């Protein structure tokens, strides 16, 4: 009878320990999921700044008429051996 009682106590303690461990793991996972969802909400809110549709690139476009006044650079020699010696 004592052996049966000891066996039941051991089985119950093991089951309780595993239940507690899985509850802790589930809680940790739940917190991680909440943190990731918070990051996703922040990204969804700020995503409008990351798309090219919201930028006006015409303001930085180069006017071809202004390029006529810039002198062209002439290169005499493209020998790069001097650099590597």
N, C-alpha and C. Protein backbone atom coordinates (compact mmCIF):
# COMPACT_ATOMS: atom_id res chain seq x y z
N UNK A 1 0.82 -1.19 0.00
CA UNK A 1 0.00 0.00 0.00
C UNK A 1 0.86 1.25 0.00
N UNK A 2 1.97 1.20 0.80
CA UNK A 2 2.87 2.35 0.86
C UNK A 2 3.54 2.60 -0.49
N UNK A 3 3.88 1.52 -1.17
CA UNK A 3 4.52 1.65 -2.48
C UNK A 3 3.58 2.30 -3.48
N UNK A 4 2.31 1.94 -3.41
CA UNK A 4 1.32 2.52 -4.30
C UNK A 4 1.14 4.02 -4.01
N UNK A 5 1.10 4.36 -2.74
CA UNK A 5 0.97 5.76 -2.34
C UNK A 5 2.17 6.58 -2.79
N UNK A 6 3.36 6.03 -2.62
CA UNK A 6 4.59 6.72 -3.05
C UNK A 6 4.60 6.86 -4.57
N UNK A 7 4.18 5.83 -5.26
CA UNK A 7 4.11 5.88 -6.72
C UNK A 7 3.14 6.96 -7.19
N UNK A 8 1.97 7.05 -6.56
CA UNK A 8 0.99 8.08 -6.92
C UNK A 8 1.53 9.49 -6.65
N UNK A 9 2.23 9.65 -5.53
CA UNK A 9 2.80 10.96 -5.20
C UNK A 9 3.85 11.35 -6.24
N UNK A 10 4.69 10.43 -6.64
CA UNK A 10 5.72 10.70 -7.64
C UNK A 10 5.10 11.04 -9.00
N UNK A 11 4.10 10.27 -9.39
CA UNK A 11 3.44 10.53 -10.68
C UNK A 11 2.78 11.90 -10.67
N UNK A 12 2.10 12.23 -9.58
CA UNK A 12 1.44 13.54 -9.49
C UNK A 12 2.45 14.68 -9.49
N UNK A 13 3.57 14.51 -8.83
CA UNK A 13 4.57 15.58 -8.79
C UNK A 13 5.18 15.80 -10.18
N UNK A 14 5.42 14.71 -10.91
CA UNK A 14 5.97 14.83 -12.27
C UNK A 14 4.96 15.51 -13.18
N UNK A 15 3.70 15.10 -13.09
CA UNK A 15 2.67 15.71 -13.92
C UNK A 15 2.50 17.19 -13.59
N UNK A 16 2.55 17.54 -12.33
CA UNK A 16 2.42 18.94 -11.92
C UNK A 16 3.60 19.76 -12.41
N UNK A 17 4.80 19.19 -12.34
CA UNK A 17 6.00 19.90 -12.79
C UNK A 17 5.96 20.15 -14.30
N UNK A 18 5.53 19.17 -15.07
CA UNK A 18 5.47 19.36 -16.52
C UNK A 18 4.37 20.35 -16.88
N UNK A 19 3.27 20.33 -16.15
CA UNK A 19 2.19 21.28 -16.41
C UNK A 19 2.66 22.71 -16.13
N UNK A 20 3.39 22.89 -15.04
CA UNK A 20 3.91 24.21 -14.71
C UNK A 20 4.90 24.68 -15.77
N UNK A 21 5.74 23.77 -16.23
CA UNK A 21 6.74 24.12 -17.24
C UNK A 21 6.07 24.52 -18.55
N UNK A 22 5.06 23.78 -18.97
CA UNK A 22 4.38 24.11 -20.21
C UNK A 22 3.61 25.41 -20.08
N UNK A 23 3.08 25.69 -18.88
CA UNK A 23 2.39 26.96 -18.68
C UNK A 23 3.36 28.13 -18.79
N UNK A 24 4.57 27.96 -18.23
CA UNK A 24 5.57 29.01 -18.32
C UNK A 24 6.01 29.22 -19.76
N UNK A 25 6.21 28.12 -20.48
CA UNK A 25 6.58 28.24 -21.89
C UNK A 25 5.49 28.90 -22.70
N UNK A 26 4.24 28.55 -22.42
CA UNK A 26 3.12 29.16 -23.13
C UNK A 26 3.04 30.65 -22.84
N UNK A 27 3.31 31.03 -21.60
CA UNK A 27 3.28 32.44 -21.24
C UNK A 27 4.41 33.22 -21.92
N UNK A 28 5.58 32.61 -22.00
CA UNK A 28 6.71 33.25 -22.69
C UNK A 28 6.39 33.42 -24.17
N UNK A 29 5.80 32.39 -24.78
CA UNK A 29 5.43 32.48 -26.18
C UNK A 29 4.38 33.56 -26.40
N UNK A 30 3.42 33.64 -25.49
CA UNK A 30 2.37 34.64 -25.61
C UNK A 30 2.95 36.06 -25.54
N UNK A 31 3.90 36.27 -24.64
CA UNK A 31 4.55 37.59 -24.53
C UNK A 31 5.34 37.91 -25.79
N UNK A 32 6.02 36.91 -26.35
CA UNK A 32 6.79 37.13 -27.58
C UNK A 32 5.86 37.47 -28.74
N UNK A 33 4.73 36.80 -28.80
CA UNK A 33 3.75 37.08 -29.86
C UNK A 33 3.20 38.48 -29.71
N UNK A 34 2.91 38.90 -28.48
CA UNK A 34 2.41 40.26 -28.25
C UNK A 34 3.43 41.30 -28.68
N UNK A 35 4.71 41.06 -28.35
CA UNK A 35 5.77 42.00 -28.73
C UNK A 35 5.90 42.09 -30.25
N UNK A 36 5.82 40.94 -30.93
CA UNK A 36 5.93 40.94 -32.38
C UNK A 36 4.73 41.63 -33.02
N UNK A 37 3.53 41.42 -32.47
CA UNK A 37 2.34 42.08 -33.01
C UNK A 37 2.44 43.59 -32.83
N UNK A 38 3.03 44.02 -31.73
CA UNK A 38 3.23 45.44 -31.50
C UNK A 38 4.17 46.03 -32.56
N UNK A 39 5.24 45.29 -32.88
CA UNK A 39 6.16 45.73 -33.92
C UNK A 39 5.47 45.80 -35.27
N UNK A 40 4.63 44.80 -35.57
CA UNK A 40 3.91 44.77 -36.83
C UNK A 40 2.95 45.95 -36.96
N UNK A 41 2.27 46.29 -35.87
CA UNK A 41 1.37 47.44 -35.89
C UNK A 41 2.13 48.72 -36.14
N UNK A 42 3.30 48.86 -35.52
CA UNK A 42 4.13 50.04 -35.70
C UNK A 42 4.59 50.13 -37.15
N UNK A 43 5.02 49.01 -37.73
CA UNK A 43 5.45 49.00 -39.12
C UNK A 43 4.30 49.34 -40.06
N UNK A 44 3.12 48.78 -39.79
CA UNK A 44 1.96 49.06 -40.63
C UNK A 44 1.60 50.54 -40.58
N UNK A 45 1.78 51.15 -39.42
CA UNK A 45 1.48 52.57 -39.27
C UNK A 45 2.50 53.42 -40.02
N UNK A 46 3.77 53.03 -39.96
CA UNK A 46 4.83 53.82 -40.58
C UNK A 46 5.12 53.42 -42.02
N UNK A 47 4.50 52.40 -42.52
CA UNK A 47 4.83 51.88 -43.84
C UNK A 47 4.61 52.90 -44.94
N UNK A 48 3.74 53.83 -44.73
CA UNK A 48 3.50 54.83 -45.77
C UNK A 48 4.76 55.64 -46.06
N UNK A 49 5.69 55.70 -45.12
CA UNK A 49 6.93 56.42 -45.34
C UNK A 49 7.94 55.58 -46.10
N UNK A 50 7.74 54.29 -46.16
CA UNK A 50 8.71 53.42 -46.79
C UNK A 50 8.41 53.14 -48.26
N UNK A 51 7.30 53.55 -48.76
CA UNK A 51 6.96 53.26 -50.14
C UNK A 51 7.33 54.42 -51.04
N UNK A 52 7.71 54.11 -52.28
CA UNK A 52 8.14 55.15 -53.21
C UNK A 52 6.99 55.99 -53.73
N UNK A 53 5.77 55.53 -53.54
CA UNK A 53 4.61 56.28 -54.03
C UNK A 53 4.45 57.62 -53.32
N UNK A 54 4.95 57.72 -52.11
CA UNK A 54 4.76 58.93 -51.32
C UNK A 54 5.85 59.97 -51.53
N UNK A 55 6.84 59.68 -52.36
CA UNK A 55 7.91 60.63 -52.59
C UNK A 55 7.77 61.26 -53.96
N UNK A 56 8.18 62.52 -54.05
CA UNK A 56 8.15 63.25 -55.31
C UNK A 56 9.59 63.34 -55.81
N UNK A 57 9.93 62.48 -56.76
CA UNK A 57 11.29 62.46 -57.28
C UNK A 57 11.48 63.47 -58.41
N UNK A 58 10.45 64.10 -58.85
CA UNK A 58 10.59 65.08 -59.92
C UNK A 58 11.36 66.31 -59.44
N UNK A 59 11.33 66.59 -58.16
CA UNK A 59 12.02 67.78 -57.65
C UNK A 59 13.55 67.63 -57.70
N UNK A 60 14.05 66.41 -57.72
CA UNK A 60 15.50 66.22 -57.77
C UNK A 60 15.97 65.75 -59.15
N UNK A 61 15.10 65.78 -60.12
CA UNK A 61 15.46 65.39 -61.47
C UNK A 61 16.39 66.44 -62.08
N UNK A 62 17.38 65.98 -62.81
CA UNK A 62 18.36 66.89 -63.42
C UNK A 62 17.80 67.45 -64.71
N UNK A 63 17.94 68.75 -64.84
CA UNK A 63 17.48 69.42 -66.06
C UNK A 63 18.56 69.26 -67.12
N UNK A 64 18.26 68.68 -68.27
CA UNK A 64 19.29 68.47 -69.31
C UNK A 64 19.85 69.78 -69.87
N UNK A 65 19.10 70.87 -69.80
CA UNK A 65 19.59 72.15 -70.34
C UNK A 65 20.78 72.67 -69.52
N UNK A 66 20.80 72.37 -68.21
CA UNK A 66 21.90 72.84 -67.38
C UNK A 66 23.17 72.03 -67.60
N UNK A 67 23.07 70.84 -68.15
CA UNK A 67 24.24 70.01 -68.40
C UNK A 67 25.08 70.50 -69.56
N UNK A 68 24.52 71.32 -70.43
CA UNK A 68 25.26 71.85 -71.58
C UNK A 68 26.39 72.77 -71.14
N UNK A 69 26.25 73.42 -70.01
CA UNK A 69 27.23 74.40 -69.54
C UNK A 69 28.37 73.78 -68.76
N UNK A 70 28.28 72.52 -68.45
CA UNK A 70 29.33 71.85 -67.69
C UNK A 70 30.36 71.32 -68.68
N UNK A 71 31.63 71.68 -68.49
CA UNK A 71 32.65 71.19 -69.43
C UNK A 71 32.90 69.70 -69.25
N UNK A 72 33.20 69.04 -70.34
CA UNK A 72 33.48 67.61 -70.31
C UNK A 72 34.93 67.39 -69.92
N UNK A 73 35.16 66.46 -69.05
CA UNK A 73 36.51 66.17 -68.57
C UNK A 73 37.18 65.21 -69.54
N UNK A 74 38.36 65.60 -70.01
CA UNK A 74 39.10 64.75 -70.94
C UNK A 74 40.20 64.02 -70.17
N UNK A 75 40.28 62.73 -70.40
CA UNK A 75 41.26 61.90 -69.72
C UNK A 75 42.41 61.62 -70.68
N UNK A 76 43.64 61.90 -70.22
CA UNK A 76 44.80 61.68 -71.08
C UNK A 76 45.22 60.22 -71.10
N UNK A 77 45.32 59.63 -69.92
CA UNK A 77 45.84 58.28 -69.84
C UNK A 77 45.06 57.50 -68.77
N UNK A 78 44.62 56.31 -69.11
CA UNK A 78 43.89 55.49 -68.15
C UNK A 78 44.74 54.34 -67.62
N UNK A 79 46.03 54.51 -67.60
CA UNK A 79 46.94 53.49 -67.13
C UNK A 79 46.94 53.50 -65.59
N UNK A 80 46.49 52.42 -64.99
CA UNK A 80 46.39 52.33 -63.53
C UNK A 80 47.55 51.57 -62.89
N UNK A 81 48.58 51.28 -63.65
CA UNK A 81 49.72 50.51 -63.12
C UNK A 81 50.45 51.29 -62.04
N UNK A 82 50.49 52.59 -62.12
CA UNK A 82 51.18 53.39 -61.13
C UNK A 82 50.53 53.28 -59.74
N UNK A 83 49.26 53.07 -59.72
CA UNK A 83 48.54 53.01 -58.45
C UNK A 83 48.87 51.73 -57.68
N UNK A 84 49.05 50.63 -58.37
CA UNK A 84 49.23 49.34 -57.73
C UNK A 84 50.68 48.99 -57.47
N UNK A 85 51.61 49.84 -57.81
CA UNK A 85 53.04 49.55 -57.55
C UNK A 85 53.52 50.20 -56.31
